[in-house]
Amino acid sequence: MDNGKTILIVDDDEYFARLLAEELGDEGYTTRRASNGVEAILVLKHLKPSLIILDIVMPVMDGMEVLGPIVQRYEDVPVILHSSYEDFRKDFKSWTADAYLLKSPDFGELKGVIRSLLSGNRRRRPARTPQPGA
């Protein structure tokens, strides 16, 4: 069952990302993976996903560093910060994401948030007015 939605998983934990991709594949989503923020930017040059799941603590370029450029360029693509660390929720940069979830071995909450964000009941970020030349 393919629902036509592609989710970009940005996470340096290969095992976790593979498990999540399998779970989302069972739900009908196509997934792509990047292992850090730099790889995510490279993938996003060729793909506009329906949603991005973004880990925070990663090598090379972490999730908080890449979040800004992602939401500026793809303001209509929902972003879920998905971290093992609660503390980043207090960082005002994290507020630009559409959701912040703690990692769990139970993907039920994450899948529910994905369904909600992709159903159109999402925009926590107000739409920006495009700037000339942007």
Protein backbone atom coordinates (compact mmCIF):
# COMPACT_ATOMS: atom_id res chain seq x y z
CA MET A 1 0.00 0.00 0.00
CA ASP A 2 1.62 3.24 -1.17
CA ASN A 3 -0.08 6.44 -0.07
CA GLY A 4 2.16 8.69 -2.20
CA LYS A 5 3.77 10.35 0.83
CA THR A 6 7.53 10.46 1.26
CA ILE A 7 9.11 10.98 4.67
CA LEU A 8 12.73 12.03 5.12
CA ILE A 9 14.26 10.48 8.25
CA VAL A 10 17.31 12.40 9.44
CA ASP A 11 19.02 10.34 12.15
CA ASP A 12 22.57 9.13 12.71
CA ASP A 13 21.44 5.89 14.40
CA GLU A 14 21.29 3.56 11.41
CA TYR A 15 19.50 0.75 13.28
CA PHE A 16 16.83 3.09 14.66
CA ALA A 17 16.32 4.78 11.28
CA ARG A 18 15.97 1.40 9.55
CA LEU A 19 13.43 0.21 12.12
CA LEU A 20 11.46 3.45 11.77
CA ALA A 21 11.57 3.19 7.98
CA GLU A 22 10.14 -0.35 8.17
CA GLU A 23 7.34 0.80 10.48
CA LEU A 24 6.48 3.73 8.22
CA GLY A 25 6.69 1.49 5.15
CA ASP A 26 4.05 -0.74 6.75
CA GLU A 27 1.86 2.37 6.99
CA GLY A 28 2.25 3.02 3.25
CA TYR A 29 4.92 5.73 3.37
CA THR A 30 8.04 5.85 1.23
CA THR A 31 11.12 6.86 3.23
CA ARG A 32 14.52 8.33 2.50
CA ARG A 33 17.31 8.65 5.05
CA ALA A 34 20.08 11.11 5.85
CA SER A 35 22.50 10.54 8.74
CA ASN A 36 23.13 14.23 9.58
CA GLY A 37 22.12 17.75 8.66
CA VAL A 38 24.59 18.07 5.78
CA GLU A 39 23.26 14.89 4.15
CA ALA A 40 19.70 16.15 4.72
CA ILE A 41 20.46 19.36 2.81
CA LEU A 42 21.93 17.32 -0.06
CA VAL A 43 18.86 15.04 -0.18
CA LEU A 44 16.55 18.06 -0.08
CA LYS A 45 18.18 19.47 -3.22
CA HIS A 46 16.62 16.58 -5.16
CA LEU A 47 13.56 15.68 -3.09
CA LYS A 48 10.72 17.60 -1.51
CA PRO A 49 9.35 15.20 1.09
CA SER A 50 5.85 15.28 2.53
CA LEU A 51 7.31 15.40 6.05
CA ILE A 52 10.70 15.38 7.81
CA ILE A 53 11.56 13.51 11.01
CA LEU A 54 14.66 15.18 12.44
CA ASP A 55 16.91 13.89 15.20
CA ILE A 56 18.77 16.56 17.13
CA VAL A 57 22.08 15.14 18.36
CA MET A 58 24.05 14.06 15.27
CA PRO A 59 27.62 14.48 14.03
CA VAL A 60 28.74 16.96 11.35
CA MET A 61 25.58 19.14 11.49
CA ASP A 62 22.98 18.53 14.18
CA GLY A 63 19.23 18.87 13.93
CA MET A 64 19.03 22.30 15.54
CA GLU A 65 21.55 23.68 13.02
CA VAL A 66 19.71 22.34 10.00
CA LEU A 67 16.19 23.08 11.28
CA GLY A 68 16.40 26.79 10.41
CA PRO A 69 17.42 26.32 6.77
CA ILE A 70 14.81 23.56 6.35
CA VAL A 71 11.86 25.60 7.63
CA GLN A 72 12.96 28.67 5.67
CA ARG A 73 13.20 26.81 2.37
CA TYR A 74 10.37 24.32 2.88
CA GLU A 75 7.90 26.16 5.09
CA ASP A 76 5.03 23.98 3.85
CA VAL A 77 6.79 20.72 4.83
CA PRO A 78 6.04 19.66 8.41
CA VAL A 79 9.04 18.89 10.61
CA ILE A 80 8.97 16.63 13.66
CA LEU A 81 11.91 16.96 16.03
CA HIS A 82 12.44 13.43 17.33
CA SER A 83 15.01 13.26 20.10
CA SER A 84 16.10 11.26 23.11
CA TYR A 85 16.62 14.52 24.98
CA GLU A 86 13.85 16.58 26.58
CA ASP A 87 16.10 19.62 27.20
CA PHE A 88 16.08 20.81 23.59
CA ARG A 89 12.33 21.46 23.86
CA LYS A 90 13.25 24.62 25.84
CA ASP A 91 15.43 25.97 23.01
CA PHE A 92 13.39 28.57 21.15
CA LYS A 93 14.74 27.28 17.81
CA SER A 94 12.86 24.02 18.42
CA TRP A 95 9.59 25.97 18.44
CA THR A 96 9.81 26.35 14.66
CA ALA A 97 9.20 22.61 14.29
CA ASP A 98 5.63 21.38 13.96
CA ALA A 99 6.08 18.80 16.73
CA TYR A 100 8.65 17.69 19.31
CA LEU A 101 8.55 14.06 20.38
CA LEU A 102 10.79 12.00 22.60
CA LYS A 103 12.08 8.80 21.02
CA SER A 104 10.32 5.67 22.17
CA PRO A 105 10.35 2.01 21.18
CA ASP A 106 6.60 2.40 20.63
CA PHE A 107 6.04 4.29 17.38
CA GLY A 108 2.31 4.75 18.00
CA GLU A 109 2.51 8.39 19.11
CA LEU A 110 4.89 9.28 16.28
CA LYS A 111 2.64 7.66 13.68
CA GLY A 112 -0.37 9.51 15.08
CA VAL A 113 1.43 12.86 14.84
CA ILE A 114 2.55 12.05 11.29
CA ARG A 115 -1.04 11.24 10.25
CA SER A 116 -2.28 14.46 11.86
CA LEU A 117 0.38 16.66 10.25
CA LEU A 118 -0.13 15.12 6.82
CA SER A 119 -3.92 15.38 7.03
CA GLY A 120 -3.69 19.16 6.84
CA ASN A 121 -4.35 19.79 10.54
CA ARG A 122 -0.89 21.07 11.04
CA ARG A 123 0.57 24.50 10.47
CA ARG A 124 1.97 25.58 13.77
CA ARG A 125 4.33 27.84 11.84
CA PRO A 126 2.59 30.77 10.20
CA ALA A 127 3.11 30.94 6.47
CA ARG A 128 5.78 33.45 5.48
CA THR A 129 5.21 35.98 2.75
CA PRO A 130 7.75 35.19 0.03
CA GLN A 131 10.44 37.84 -0.24
CA PRO A 132 11.46 39.17 -3.65
CA GLY A 133 14.46 37.24 -4.94
CA ALA A 134 14.06 34.44 -2.37
